[in-house]
Amino acid sequence: MKKVRQTVILSNKPSIEKIDEKLSLHPRNKHRGRYDFEQLMLTSPPLGSYVLLNDYNDFSIDFANPKAVKALNCALLKHFYNIAKWDIPAQYLCPPIPGRADYVHHLADLLASEAKLTLSKKIRVLDIGIGANAIYPLIAFREYGWQFVGTDVDPIALKNAQTILDANPGLTSAIELRLQTSSSAIFSGVVKADEHFDLTMCNPPFHASLAEAKEGTQRKWQNLGKAKPATLNFGGQGTELFCDGGEIAFISRMIEESAAIGSQFFWFSSLVSKASNLPEVYKALKANGALQVKTINMAQGQKQSRFVAWTFLTPEQQKHWRKHYW
């Protein structure tokens, strides 16, 4: 399927580029094919306890079993990204690695559209809400050598993320963790006045309340043909799954804060799980003076997602950035 590019004018200057990709993972994504469970079990023998034959006589796991999903993640991280030791506390978010890798690769393409820097260790990224799993920095550092600052409001999550970094050689010098002490702030308090970042990435909490999060979990389990779950999700603490106002309120606050520090970042970005939230996101970007906005569509099977990236840098400021930081 060919790419379809559509431009939506916000004002005389800003525009939104909507890029529709074919329904598959990014070409550089290592997880485009079926999982090779035989090879993964060789890499990570504990996975074997959860592998079984499905109705098609193929090796698989029960994706409704949190322990099985975590074992698969451990195997994938070890096999493809040389992360030998990875674990998360019970009831913390266990992320689907193929989809997380897609965000990283599409961000690399965003940078490549500016300069040939996707393999440069000069690239510095701020991960908002790194979580206990630290998944984005792990993938992006191994794939592109990017340097990271990861922030979170949850000290337990950060402690676990630090344990992962300490257990795998080379990570502590590339990934720094910072505690966000204010539950209402995103950049304030964690971004220093004299530092610059080439990218931000964020997977915001998308539910507006605990009740809404439980309803979403129930739908997932019904789709899997399972009974009502005893836990909130396959994994996920409150701050990972919901916040007041949900996804749109979080991203709107992020946009408003980003305008105050726009000269310190080349690209801001955030996942937007609901396409119906895009008009409100665009409205917030226009109101806060974003000069360039891109919406990148992604897909994993039948699940469609996207991220929005924006910058406050003028063409002249972008030219200065390329000269002095790249």
C-alpha atoms as a PDB file:
ATOM      1  CA  MET A   1       0.000   0.000   0.000  1.00  0.00           C
ATOM      2  CA  LYS A   2       1.382   3.399  -0.938  1.00  0.00           C
ATOM      3  CA  LYS A   3       1.752   6.133   1.620  1.00  0.00           C
ATOM      4  CA  VAL A   4      -0.920   8.797   1.589  1.00  0.00           C
ATOM      5  CA  ARG A   5       0.139  12.238   2.731  1.00  0.00           C
ATOM      6  CA  GLN A   6      -2.418  14.828   3.742  1.00  0.00           C
ATOM      7  CA  THR A   7      -1.716  18.311   5.035  1.00  0.00           C
ATOM      8  CA  VAL A   8      -4.115  20.103   7.359  1.00  0.00           C
ATOM      9  CA  ILE A   9      -3.569  23.831   7.782  1.00  0.00           C
ATOM     10  CA  LEU A  10      -3.819  25.124  11.352  1.00  0.00           C
ATOM     11  CA  SER A  11      -2.869  28.699  10.567  1.00  0.00           C
ATOM     12  CA  ASN A  12      -0.597  30.572   8.173  1.00  0.00           C
ATOM     13  CA  LYS A  13       2.474  28.687   9.407  1.00  0.00           C
ATOM     14  CA  PRO A  14       1.841  25.419  11.267  1.00  0.00           C
ATOM     15  CA  SER A  15       0.681  22.327   9.423  1.00  0.00           C
ATOM     16  CA  ILE A  16      -0.095  18.736  10.323  1.00  0.00           C
ATOM     17  CA  GLU A  17       1.279  15.974   8.140  1.00  0.00           C
ATOM     18  CA  LYS A  18      -0.773  12.787   8.434  1.00  0.00           C
ATOM     19  CA  ILE A  19       1.130   9.744   7.180  1.00  0.00           C
ATOM     20  CA  ASP A  20      -0.854   6.552   6.642  1.00  0.00           C
ATOM     21  CA  GLU A  21       1.355   3.464   6.657  1.00  0.00           C
ATOM     22  CA  LYS A  22       0.355  -0.004   5.544  1.00  0.00           C
ATOM     23  CA  LEU A  23      -0.984  -2.210   8.332  1.00  0.00           C
ATOM     24  CA  SER A  24       2.324  -3.756   9.387  1.00  0.00           C
ATOM     25  CA  LEU A  25       5.212  -3.033  11.687  1.00  0.00           C
ATOM     26  CA  HIS A  26       8.049  -0.735  10.713  1.00  0.00           C
ATOM     27  CA  PRO A  27      10.480  -2.273   8.158  1.00  0.00           C
ATOM     28  CA  ARG A  28      13.346  -2.172  10.685  1.00  0.00           C
ATOM     29  CA  ASN A  29      11.255  -3.700  13.457  1.00  0.00           C
ATOM     30  CA  LYS A  30      12.795  -7.042  14.453  1.00  0.00           C
ATOM     31  CA  HIS A  31       9.373  -8.476  15.288  1.00  0.00           C
ATOM     32  CA  ARG A  32       7.609  -8.349  11.931  1.00  0.00           C
ATOM     33  CA  GLY A  33       7.400 -12.119  11.584  1.00  0.00           C
ATOM     34  CA  ARG A  34       5.949 -14.783  13.853  1.00  0.00           C
ATOM     35  CA  TYR A  35       7.733 -15.430  17.115  1.00  0.00           C
ATOM     36  CA  ASP A  36      10.320 -18.184  16.721  1.00  0.00           C
ATOM     37  CA  PHE A  37       9.553 -19.860  20.034  1.00  0.00           C
ATOM     38  CA  GLU A  38      12.072 -22.656  19.494  1.00  0.00           C
ATOM     39  CA  GLN A  39      14.885 -20.131  19.133  1.00  0.00           C
ATOM     40  CA  LEU A  40      13.559 -17.972  21.952  1.00  0.00           C
ATOM     41  CA  MET A  41      13.476 -20.968  24.301  1.00  0.00           C
ATOM     42  CA  LEU A  42      17.099 -21.666  23.458  1.00  0.00           C
ATOM     43  CA  THR A  43      17.959 -18.072  24.315  1.00  0.00           C
ATOM     44  CA  SER A  44      15.817 -18.002  27.445  1.00  0.00           C
ATOM     45  CA  PRO A  45      14.991 -21.522  28.752  1.00  0.00           C
ATOM     46  CA  PRO A  46      12.471 -20.296  31.406  1.00  0.00           C
ATOM     47  CA  LEU A  47      10.130 -19.396  28.545  1.00  0.00           C
ATOM     48  CA  GLY A  48       9.692 -23.104  27.855  1.00  0.00           C
ATOM     49  CA  SER A  49       7.475 -23.482  30.910  1.00  0.00           C
ATOM     50  CA  TYR A  50       4.816 -21.383  29.191  1.00  0.00           C
ATOM     51  CA  VAL A  51       5.063 -22.505  25.566  1.00  0.00           C
ATOM     52  CA  LEU A  52       2.307 -24.773  24.253  1.00  0.00           C
ATOM     53  CA  LEU A  53       0.762 -25.883  20.974  1.00  0.00           C
ATOM     54  CA  ASN A  54      -2.186 -23.771  19.882  1.00  0.00           C
ATOM     55  CA  ASP A  55      -5.206 -24.822  17.800  1.00  0.00           C
ATOM     56  CA  TYR A  56      -3.119 -24.504  14.630  1.00  0.00           C
ATOM     57  CA  ASN A  57      -0.422 -26.836  16.003  1.00  0.00           C
ATOM     58  CA  ASP A  58       2.009 -23.936  16.318  1.00  0.00           C
ATOM     59  CA  PHE A  59       4.074 -23.007  19.354  1.00  0.00           C
ATOM     60  CA  SER A  60       2.599 -20.097  21.308  1.00  0.00           C
ATOM     61  CA  ILE A  61       1.827 -18.920  24.839  1.00  0.00           C
ATOM     62  CA  ASP A  62      -1.338 -17.957  26.685  1.00  0.00           C
ATOM     63  CA  PHE A  63      -1.251 -14.189  26.215  1.00  0.00           C
ATOM     64  CA  ALA A  64      -3.800 -13.815  29.028  1.00  0.00           C
ATOM     65  CA  ASN A  65      -1.239 -15.208  31.481  1.00  0.00           C
ATOM     66  CA  PRO A  66       0.881 -12.330  32.875  1.00  0.00           C
ATOM     67  CA  LYS A  67       3.736 -14.663  33.804  1.00  0.00           C
ATOM     68  CA  ALA A  68       3.846 -16.078  30.289  1.00  0.00           C
ATOM     69  CA  VAL A  69       3.874 -12.601  28.740  1.00  0.00           C
ATOM     70  CA  LYS A  70       6.676 -11.511  31.044  1.00  0.00           C
ATOM     71  CA  ALA A  71       8.687 -14.626  30.182  1.00  0.00           C
ATOM     72  CA  LEU A  72       8.221 -13.846  26.482  1.00  0.00           C
ATOM     73  CA  ASN A  73       9.397 -10.275  27.027  1.00  0.00           C
ATOM     74  CA  CYS A  74      12.484 -11.508  28.853  1.00  0.00           C
ATOM     75  CA  ALA A  75      13.285 -13.802  25.947  1.00  0.00           C
ATOM     76  CA  LEU A  76      12.725 -11.115  23.295  1.00  0.00           C
ATOM     77  CA  LEU A  77      14.852  -8.572  25.144  1.00  0.00           C
ATOM     78  CA  LYS A  78      17.662 -11.053  25.631  1.00  0.00           C
ATOM     79  CA  HIS A  79      17.560 -12.452  22.088  1.00  0.00           C
ATOM     80  CA  PHE A  80      17.179  -9.233  20.104  1.00  0.00           C
ATOM     81  CA  TYR A  81      18.545  -6.479  22.370  1.00  0.00           C
ATOM     82  CA  ASN A  82      21.180  -8.156  24.552  1.00  0.00           C
ATOM     83  CA  ILE A  83      19.267  -7.363  27.744  1.00  0.00           C
ATOM     84  CA  ALA A  84      20.209 -10.419  29.772  1.00  0.00           C
ATOM     85  CA  LYS A  85      18.408  -9.467  32.975  1.00  0.00           C
ATOM     86  CA  TRP A  86      14.971  -7.851  32.981  1.00  0.00           C
ATOM     87  CA  ASP A  87      12.127  -8.055  35.464  1.00  0.00           C
ATOM     88  CA  ILE A  88       9.225  -5.972  36.728  1.00  0.00           C
ATOM     89  CA  PRO A  89       7.304  -6.078  40.014  1.00  0.00           C
ATOM     90  CA  ALA A  90       3.920  -7.770  40.095  1.00  0.00           C
ATOM     91  CA  GLN A  91       1.077  -5.631  38.730  1.00  0.00           C
ATOM     92  CA  TYR A  92       3.354  -3.229  36.861  1.00  0.00           C
ATOM     93  CA  LEU A  93       2.869  -2.684  33.141  1.00  0.00           C
ATOM     94  CA  CYS A  94       4.320  -5.449  30.970  1.00  0.00           C
ATOM     95  CA  PRO A  95       4.630  -3.754  27.576  1.00  0.00           C
ATOM     96  CA  PRO A  96       4.177  -5.418  24.160  1.00  0.00           C
ATOM     97  CA  ILE A  97       7.674  -5.115  22.736  1.00  0.00           C
ATOM     98  CA  PRO A  98       6.863  -5.053  18.984  1.00  0.00           C
ATOM     99  CA  GLY A  99       4.634  -2.007  19.355  1.00  0.00           C
ATOM    100  CA  ARG A 100       7.103  -0.224  21.615  1.00  0.00           C
ATOM    101  CA  ALA A 101       9.888  -0.847  19.097  1.00  0.00           C
ATOM    102  CA  ASP A 102       7.735   0.655  16.338  1.00  0.00           C
ATOM    103  CA  TYR A 103       7.523   4.000  18.144  1.00  0.00           C
ATOM    104  CA  VAL A 104      11.326   4.056  18.413  1.00  0.00           C
ATOM    105  CA  HIS A 105      11.879   3.262  14.730  1.00  0.00           C
ATOM    106  CA  HIS A 106       9.384   5.843  13.517  1.00  0.00           C
ATOM    107  CA  LEU A 107      11.053   8.460  15.709  1.00  0.00           C
ATOM    108  CA  ALA A 108      14.354   7.497  14.087  1.00  0.00           C
ATOM    109  CA  ASP A 109      12.746   8.182  10.714  1.00  0.00           C
ATOM    110  CA  LEU A 110      11.565  11.552  12.001  1.00  0.00           C
ATOM    111  CA  LEU A 111      15.156  12.414  12.856  1.00  0.00           C
ATOM    112  CA  ALA A 112      16.405  11.044   9.559  1.00  0.00           C
ATOM    113  CA  SER A 113      14.122  13.495   7.786  1.00  0.00           C
ATOM    114  CA  GLU A 114      16.169  16.256   9.417  1.00  0.00           C
ATOM    115  CA  ALA A 115      19.665  14.797   9.196  1.00  0.00           C
ATOM    116  CA  LYS A 116      21.459  11.460   8.875  1.00  0.00           C
ATOM    117  CA  LEU A 117      21.662  10.915  12.602  1.00  0.00           C
ATOM    118  CA  THR A 118      19.740   7.742  13.376  1.00  0.00           C
ATOM    119  CA  LEU A 119      22.894   5.864  14.408  1.00  0.00           C
ATOM    120  CA  SER A 120      24.500   8.784  16.234  1.00  0.00           C
ATOM    121  CA  LYS A 121      25.142   8.615  19.968  1.00  0.00           C
ATOM    122  CA  LYS A 122      24.706  12.383  20.062  1.00  0.00           C
ATOM    123  CA  ILE A 123      20.935  11.995  20.058  1.00  0.00           C
ATOM    124  CA  ARG A 124      19.455  12.765  23.472  1.00  0.00           C
ATOM    125  CA  VAL A 125      15.928  11.699  24.369  1.00  0.00           C
ATOM    126  CA  LEU A 126      13.583  12.442  27.274  1.00  0.00           C
ATOM    127  CA  ASP A 127      11.268   9.515  28.115  1.00  0.00           C
ATOM    128  CA  ILE A 128       8.279  10.830  30.057  1.00  0.00           C
ATOM    129  CA  GLY A 129       6.969   8.028  32.267  1.00  0.00           C
ATOM    130  CA  ILE A 130       9.749   5.485  31.831  1.00  0.00           C
ATOM    131  CA  GLY A 131       7.980   3.092  34.196  1.00  0.00           C
ATOM    132  CA  ALA A 132       9.388   0.056  35.930  1.00  0.00           C
ATOM    133  CA  ASN A 133      10.115  -1.649  32.602  1.00  0.00           C
ATOM    134  CA  ALA A 134      12.306   1.076  30.982  1.00  0.00           C
ATOM    135  CA  ILE A 135      11.377  -0.427  27.643  1.00  0.00           C
ATOM    136  CA  TYR A 136      11.869   2.559  25.326  1.00  0.00           C
ATOM    137  CA  PRO A 137      15.439   3.393  26.408  1.00  0.00           C
ATOM    138  CA  LEU A 138      16.436  -0.283  26.336  1.00  0.00           C
ATOM    139  CA  ILE A 139      15.300  -0.715  22.733  1.00  0.00           C
ATOM    140  CA  ALA A 140      16.448   2.683  21.478  1.00  0.00           C
ATOM    141  CA  PHE A 141      19.901   2.463  23.039  1.00  0.00           C
ATOM    142  CA  ARG A 142      20.541  -0.999  21.613  1.00  0.00           C
ATOM    143  CA  GLU A 143      19.160  -0.071  18.187  1.00  0.00           C
ATOM    144  CA  TYR A 144      20.541   3.457  17.760  1.00  0.00           C
ATOM    145  CA  GLY A 145      22.828   4.295  20.664  1.00  0.00           C
ATOM    146  CA  TRP A 146      20.620   7.154  21.842  1.00  0.00           C
ATOM    147  CA  GLN A 147      21.220   8.644  25.274  1.00  0.00           C
ATOM    148  CA  PHE A 148      18.226   8.938  27.616  1.00  0.00           C
ATOM    149  CA  VAL A 149      16.815  10.704  30.613  1.00  0.00           C
ATOM    150  CA  GLY A 150      13.819   8.799  31.941  1.00  0.00           C
ATOM    151  CA  THR A 151      11.341  10.409  34.341  1.00  0.00           C
ATOM    152  CA  ASP A 152       8.524   9.020  36.467  1.00  0.00           C
ATOM    153  CA  VAL A 153       6.353  10.016  39.422  1.00  0.00           C
ATOM    154  CA  ASP A 154       6.623   6.519  40.931  1.00  0.00           C
ATOM    155  CA  PRO A 155       9.796   5.933  43.010  1.00  0.00           C
ATOM    156  CA  ILE A 156       9.173   2.170  43.077  1.00  0.00           C
ATOM    157  CA  ALA A 157       9.082   2.095  39.282  1.00  0.00           C
ATOM    158  CA  LEU A 158      12.310   4.083  39.077  1.00  0.00           C
ATOM    159  CA  LYS A 159      14.005   1.797  41.601  1.00  0.00           C
ATOM    160  CA  ASN A 160      13.148  -1.223  39.484  1.00  0.00           C
ATOM    161  CA  ALA A 161      14.260   0.523  36.289  1.00  0.00           C
ATOM    162  CA  GLN A 162      17.595   1.312  37.949  1.00  0.00           C
ATOM    163  CA  THR A 163      17.952  -2.350  38.915  1.00  0.00           C
ATOM    164  CA  ILE A 164      17.558  -3.286  35.241  1.00  0.00           C
ATOM    165  CA  LEU A 165      20.166  -0.717  34.198  1.00  0.00           C
ATOM    166  CA  ASP A 166      22.624  -1.870  36.858  1.00  0.00           C
ATOM    167  CA  ALA A 167      22.211  -5.516  35.860  1.00  0.00           C
ATOM    168  CA  ASN A 168      23.110  -4.979  32.193  1.00  0.00           C
ATOM    169  CA  PRO A 169      26.561  -3.617  31.240  1.00  0.00           C
ATOM    170  CA  GLY A 170      26.681  -0.320  29.388  1.00  0.00           C
ATOM    171  CA  LEU A 171      23.228   0.958  30.319  1.00  0.00           C
ATOM    172  CA  THR A 172      23.957   3.118  33.366  1.00  0.00           C
ATOM    173  CA  SER A 173      26.187   5.470  31.378  1.00  0.00           C
ATOM    174  CA  ALA A 174      23.538   5.906  28.680  1.00  0.00           C
ATOM    175  CA  ILE A 175      20.300   6.131  30.674  1.00  0.00           C
ATOM    176  CA  GLU A 176      19.708   8.503  33.582  1.00  0.00           C
ATOM    177  CA  LEU A 177      16.630   8.346  35.809  1.00  0.00           C
ATOM    178  CA  ARG A 178      14.917  11.319  37.455  1.00  0.00           C
ATOM    179  CA  LEU A 179      12.004  11.393  39.888  1.00  0.00           C
ATOM    180  CA  GLN A 180       9.153  13.772  39.051  1.00  0.00           C
ATOM    181  CA  THR A 181       8.044  14.913  42.492  1.00  0.00           C
ATOM    182  CA  SER A 182       4.955  16.777  41.262  1.00  0.00           C
ATOM    183  CA  SER A 183       2.016  14.700  40.047  1.00  0.00           C
ATOM    184  CA  SER A 184       0.690  17.696  38.122  1.00  0.00           C
ATOM    185  CA  ALA A 185       3.940  18.544  36.283  1.00  0.00           C
ATOM    186  CA  ILE A 186       5.519  16.902  33.262  1.00  0.00           C
ATOM    187  CA  PHE A 187       8.657  18.833  32.301  1.00  0.00           C
ATOM    188  CA  SER A 188       8.894  21.226  35.232  1.00  0.00           C
ATOM    189  CA  GLY A 189      11.250  19.958  37.916  1.00  0.00           C
ATOM    190  CA  VAL A 190      13.000  17.349  35.763  1.00  0.00           C
ATOM    191  CA  VAL A 191      14.305  19.363  32.794  1.00  0.00           C
ATOM    192  CA  LYS A 192      17.266  21.557  33.698  1.00  0.00           C
ATOM    193  CA  ALA A 193      17.505  25.093  32.373  1.00  0.00           C
ATOM    194  CA  ASP A 194      20.799  24.506  30.564  1.00  0.00           C
ATOM    195  CA  GLU A 195      20.122  21.179  28.832  1.00  0.00           C
ATOM    196  CA  HIS A 196      18.771  20.265  25.403  1.00  0.00           C
ATOM    197  CA  PHE A 197      16.987  17.211  24.016  1.00  0.00           C
ATOM    198  CA  ASP A 198      16.499  16.131  20.426  1.00  0.00           C
ATOM    199  CA  LEU A 199      13.350  14.127  21.180  1.00  0.00           C
ATOM    200  CA  THR A 200      10.748  13.397  23.775  1.00  0.00           C
ATOM    201  CA  MET A 201       8.643  10.264  23.848  1.00  0.00           C
ATOM    202  CA  CYS A 202       5.675   9.439  26.006  1.00  0.00           C
ATOM    203  CA  ASN A 203       3.030   6.747  26.406  1.00  0.00           C
ATOM    204  CA  PRO A 204       0.464   8.703  28.435  1.00  0.00           C
ATOM    205  CA  PRO A 205      -2.138   7.149  30.723  1.00  0.00           C
ATOM    206  CA  PHE A 206      -5.196   6.851  28.519  1.00  0.00           C
ATOM    207  CA  HIS A 207      -8.034   6.265  30.995  1.00  0.00           C
ATOM    208  CA  ALA A 208      -9.737   9.049  32.942  1.00  0.00           C
ATOM    209  CA  SER A 209     -10.497   6.997  36.059  1.00  0.00           C
ATOM    210  CA  LEU A 210     -10.021   3.664  37.810  1.00  0.00           C
ATOM    211  CA  ALA A 211     -13.533   2.609  36.766  1.00  0.00           C
ATOM    212  CA  GLU A 212     -12.792   3.347  33.126  1.00  0.00           C
ATOM    213  CA  ALA A 213      -9.531   1.386  33.338  1.00  0.00           C
ATOM    214  CA  LYS A 214     -11.412  -1.612  34.751  1.00  0.00           C
ATOM    215  CA  GLU A 215     -13.963  -1.421  31.938  1.00  0.00           C
ATOM    216  CA  GLY A 216     -11.144  -1.430  29.402  1.00  0.00           C
ATOM    217  CA  THR A 217      -9.593  -4.462  31.074  1.00  0.00           C
ATOM    218  CA  GLN A 218     -12.906  -6.290  31.028  1.00  0.00           C
ATOM    219  CA  ARG A 219     -13.240  -5.712  27.278  1.00  0.00           C
ATOM    220  CA  LYS A 220      -9.732  -7.090  26.683  1.00  0.00           C
ATOM    221  CA  TRP A 221     -10.500 -10.255  28.623  1.00  0.00           C
ATOM    222  CA  GLN A 222     -13.831 -10.726  26.859  1.00  0.00           C
ATOM    223  CA  ASN A 223     -12.047 -10.467  23.518  1.00  0.00           C
ATOM    224  CA  LEU A 224      -9.716 -13.220  24.692  1.00  0.00           C
ATOM    225  CA  GLY A 225     -12.686 -15.341  25.725  1.00  0.00           C
ATOM    226  CA  LYS A 226     -11.685 -15.239  29.378  1.00  0.00           C
ATOM    227  CA  ALA A 227     -13.660 -14.809  32.580  1.00  0.00           C
ATOM    228  CA  LYS A 228     -13.707 -11.556  34.528  1.00  0.00           C
ATOM    229  CA  PRO A 229     -10.135 -10.776  35.689  1.00  0.00           C
ATOM    230  CA  ALA A 230      -9.176 -10.605  39.332  1.00  0.00           C
ATOM    231  CA  THR A 231      -6.643  -7.852  38.640  1.00  0.00           C
ATOM    232  CA  LEU A 232      -6.890  -4.442  37.021  1.00  0.00           C
ATOM    233  CA  ASN A 233      -4.983  -5.366  33.905  1.00  0.00           C
ATOM    234  CA  PHE A 234      -2.352  -7.772  32.615  1.00  0.00           C
ATOM    235  CA  GLY A 235      -0.170  -5.230  34.376  1.00  0.00           C
ATOM    236  CA  GLY A 236      -0.266  -1.579  35.234  1.00  0.00           C
ATOM    237  CA  GLN A 237      -0.283   0.698  38.245  1.00  0.00           C
ATOM    238  CA  GLY A 238      -2.709   3.585  38.573  1.00  0.00           C
ATOM    239  CA  THR A 239      -0.313   6.217  37.217  1.00  0.00           C
ATOM    240  CA  GLU A 240       0.412   4.005  34.211  1.00  0.00           C
ATOM    241  CA  LEU A 241      -3.225   3.505  33.273  1.00  0.00           C
ATOM    242  CA  PHE A 242      -5.283   6.554  34.240  1.00  0.00           C
ATOM    243  CA  CYS A 243      -5.187  10.198  35.287  1.00  0.00           C
ATOM    244  CA  ASP A 244      -7.727  12.975  35.797  1.00  0.00           C
ATOM    245  CA  GLY A 245      -9.137  13.825  32.394  1.00  0.00           C
ATOM    246  CA  GLY A 246      -7.502  10.842  30.725  1.00  0.00           C
ATOM    247  CA  GLU A 247      -5.190  10.915  27.738  1.00  0.00           C
ATOM    248  CA  ILE A 248      -6.366  14.194  26.255  1.00  0.00           C
ATOM    249  CA  ALA A 249      -5.922  16.094  29.531  1.00  0.00           C
ATOM    250  CA  PHE A 250      -2.396  14.670  29.980  1.00  0.00           C
ATOM    251  CA  ILE A 251      -1.284  15.493  26.434  1.00  0.00           C
ATOM    252  CA  SER A 252      -2.856  18.959  26.581  1.00  0.00           C
ATOM    253  CA  ARG A 253      -0.912  19.673  29.777  1.00  0.00           C
ATOM    254  CA  MET A 254       2.211  18.332  28.131  1.00  0.00           C
ATOM    255  CA  ILE A 255       1.722  20.641  25.134  1.00  0.00           C
ATOM    256  CA  GLU A 256       1.144  23.674  27.355  1.00  0.00           C
ATOM    257  CA  GLU A 257       4.307  22.980  29.371  1.00  0.00           C
ATOM    258  CA  SER A 258       6.335  22.262  26.246  1.00  0.00           C
ATOM    259  CA  ALA A 259       5.617  25.745  24.863  1.00  0.00           C
ATOM    260  CA  ALA A 260       7.530  27.285  27.774  1.00  0.00           C
ATOM    261  CA  ILE A 261      10.690  25.277  27.017  1.00  0.00           C
ATOM    262  CA  GLY A 262      10.339  24.970  23.249  1.00  0.00           C
ATOM    263  CA  SER A 263      13.846  26.247  22.533  1.00  0.00           C
ATOM    264  CA  GLN A 264      15.373  23.349  24.515  1.00  0.00           C
ATOM    265  CA  PHE A 265      13.862  20.592  22.351  1.00  0.00           C
ATOM    266  CA  PHE A 266      13.848  19.850  18.647  1.00  0.00           C
ATOM    267  CA  TRP A 267      10.881  17.453  18.614  1.00  0.00           C
ATOM    268  CA  PHE A 268       8.319  16.757  21.293  1.00  0.00           C
ATOM    269  CA  SER A 269       6.207  13.636  20.782  1.00  0.00           C
ATOM    270  CA  SER A 270       3.514  11.553  22.447  1.00  0.00           C
ATOM    271  CA  LEU A 271       1.494   8.497  21.589  1.00  0.00           C
ATOM    272  CA  VAL A 272      -2.221   9.158  21.098  1.00  0.00           C
ATOM    273  CA  SER A 273      -4.163   5.937  21.618  1.00  0.00           C
ATOM    274  CA  LYS A 274      -7.551   7.269  20.492  1.00  0.00           C
ATOM    275  CA  ALA A 275      -7.882   8.807  17.029  1.00  0.00           C
ATOM    276  CA  SER A 276     -10.937  10.673  18.305  1.00  0.00           C
ATOM    277  CA  ASN A 277      -8.609  12.689  20.565  1.00  0.00           C
ATOM    278  CA  LEU A 278      -6.582  14.086  17.665  1.00  0.00           C
ATOM    279  CA  PRO A 279      -8.775  17.176  17.041  1.00  0.00           C
ATOM    280  CA  GLU A 280      -8.315  18.262  20.664  1.00  0.00           C
ATOM    281  CA  VAL A 281      -4.568  17.640  20.413  1.00  0.00           C
ATOM    282  CA  TYR A 282      -4.345  19.758  17.261  1.00  0.00           C
ATOM    283  CA  LYS A 283      -6.407  22.479  18.924  1.00  0.00           C
ATOM    284  CA  ALA A 284      -4.008  22.570  21.880  1.00  0.00           C
ATOM    285  CA  LEU A 285      -0.995  22.690  19.570  1.00  0.00           C
ATOM    286  CA  LYS A 286      -2.430  25.595  17.624  1.00  0.00           C
ATOM    287  CA  ALA A 287      -3.346  27.463  20.799  1.00  0.00           C
ATOM    288  CA  ASN A 288       0.204  27.071  22.154  1.00  0.00           C
ATOM    289  CA  GLY A 289       1.961  28.135  18.971  1.00  0.00           C
ATOM    290  CA  ALA A 290       3.475  24.911  17.608  1.00  0.00           C
ATOM    291  CA  LEU A 291       5.134  25.731  14.289  1.00  0.00           C
ATOM    292  CA  GLN A 292       5.333  22.237  12.813  1.00  0.00           C
ATOM    293  CA  VAL A 293       3.239  19.193  13.692  1.00  0.00           C
ATOM    294  CA  LYS A 294       3.435  15.652  12.330  1.00  0.00           C
ATOM    295  CA  THR A 295       1.100  12.741  12.970  1.00  0.00           C
ATOM    296  CA  ILE A 296       2.647   9.328  12.267  1.00  0.00           C
ATOM    297  CA  ASN A 297       0.265   6.389  12.023  1.00  0.00           C
ATOM    298  CA  MET A 298       1.405   2.942  13.136  1.00  0.00           C
ATOM    299  CA  ALA A 299      -0.219  -0.478  13.250  1.00  0.00           C
ATOM    300  CA  GLN A 300       0.329  -3.873  14.827  1.00  0.00           C
ATOM    301  CA  GLY A 301      -2.007  -6.364  13.195  1.00  0.00           C
ATOM    302  CA  GLN A 302      -5.526  -4.994  13.575  1.00  0.00           C
ATOM    303  CA  LYS A 303      -4.516  -2.561  16.316  1.00  0.00           C
ATOM    304  CA  GLN A 304      -3.912   0.943  15.015  1.00  0.00           C
ATOM    305  CA  SER A 305      -2.025   3.627  16.879  1.00  0.00           C
ATOM    306  CA  ARG A 306      -0.197   6.845  16.181  1.00  0.00           C
ATOM    307  CA  PHE A 307       2.046   9.467  17.701  1.00  0.00           C
ATOM    308  CA  VAL A 308       2.021  13.224  17.299  1.00  0.00           C
ATOM    309  CA  ALA A 309       5.291  15.168  17.100  1.00  0.00           C
ATOM    310  CA  TRP A 310       5.636  18.933  17.284  1.00  0.00           C
ATOM    311  CA  THR A 311       8.284  21.636  17.447  1.00  0.00           C
ATOM    312  CA  PHE A 312       8.425  25.311  18.345  1.00  0.00           C
ATOM    313  CA  LEU A 313      11.679  25.908  16.456  1.00  0.00           C
ATOM    314  CA  THR A 314      11.648  28.224  13.462  1.00  0.00           C
ATOM    315  CA  PRO A 315      13.533  27.134  10.302  1.00  0.00           C
ATOM    316  CA  GLU A 316      16.446  29.343  11.338  1.00  0.00           C
ATOM    317  CA  GLN A 317      16.495  27.846  14.844  1.00  0.00           C
ATOM    318  CA  GLN A 318      16.384  24.346  13.373  1.00  0.00           C
ATOM    319  CA  LYS A 319      19.370  25.184  11.191  1.00  0.00           C
ATOM    320  CA  HIS A 320      21.244  26.462  14.257  1.00  0.00           C
ATOM    321  CA  TRP A 321      20.358  23.256  16.149  1.00  0.00           C
ATOM    322  CA  ARG A 322      21.720  21.030  13.381  1.00  0.00           C
ATOM    323  CA  LYS A 323      24.968  22.993  13.324  1.00  0.00           C
ATOM    324  CA  HIS A 324      25.594  23.138  17.077  1.00  0.00           C
ATOM    325  CA  TYR A 325      24.070  19.929  18.450  1.00  0.00           C
ATOM    326  CA  TRP A 326      24.399  17.452  15.561  1.00  0.00           C
END
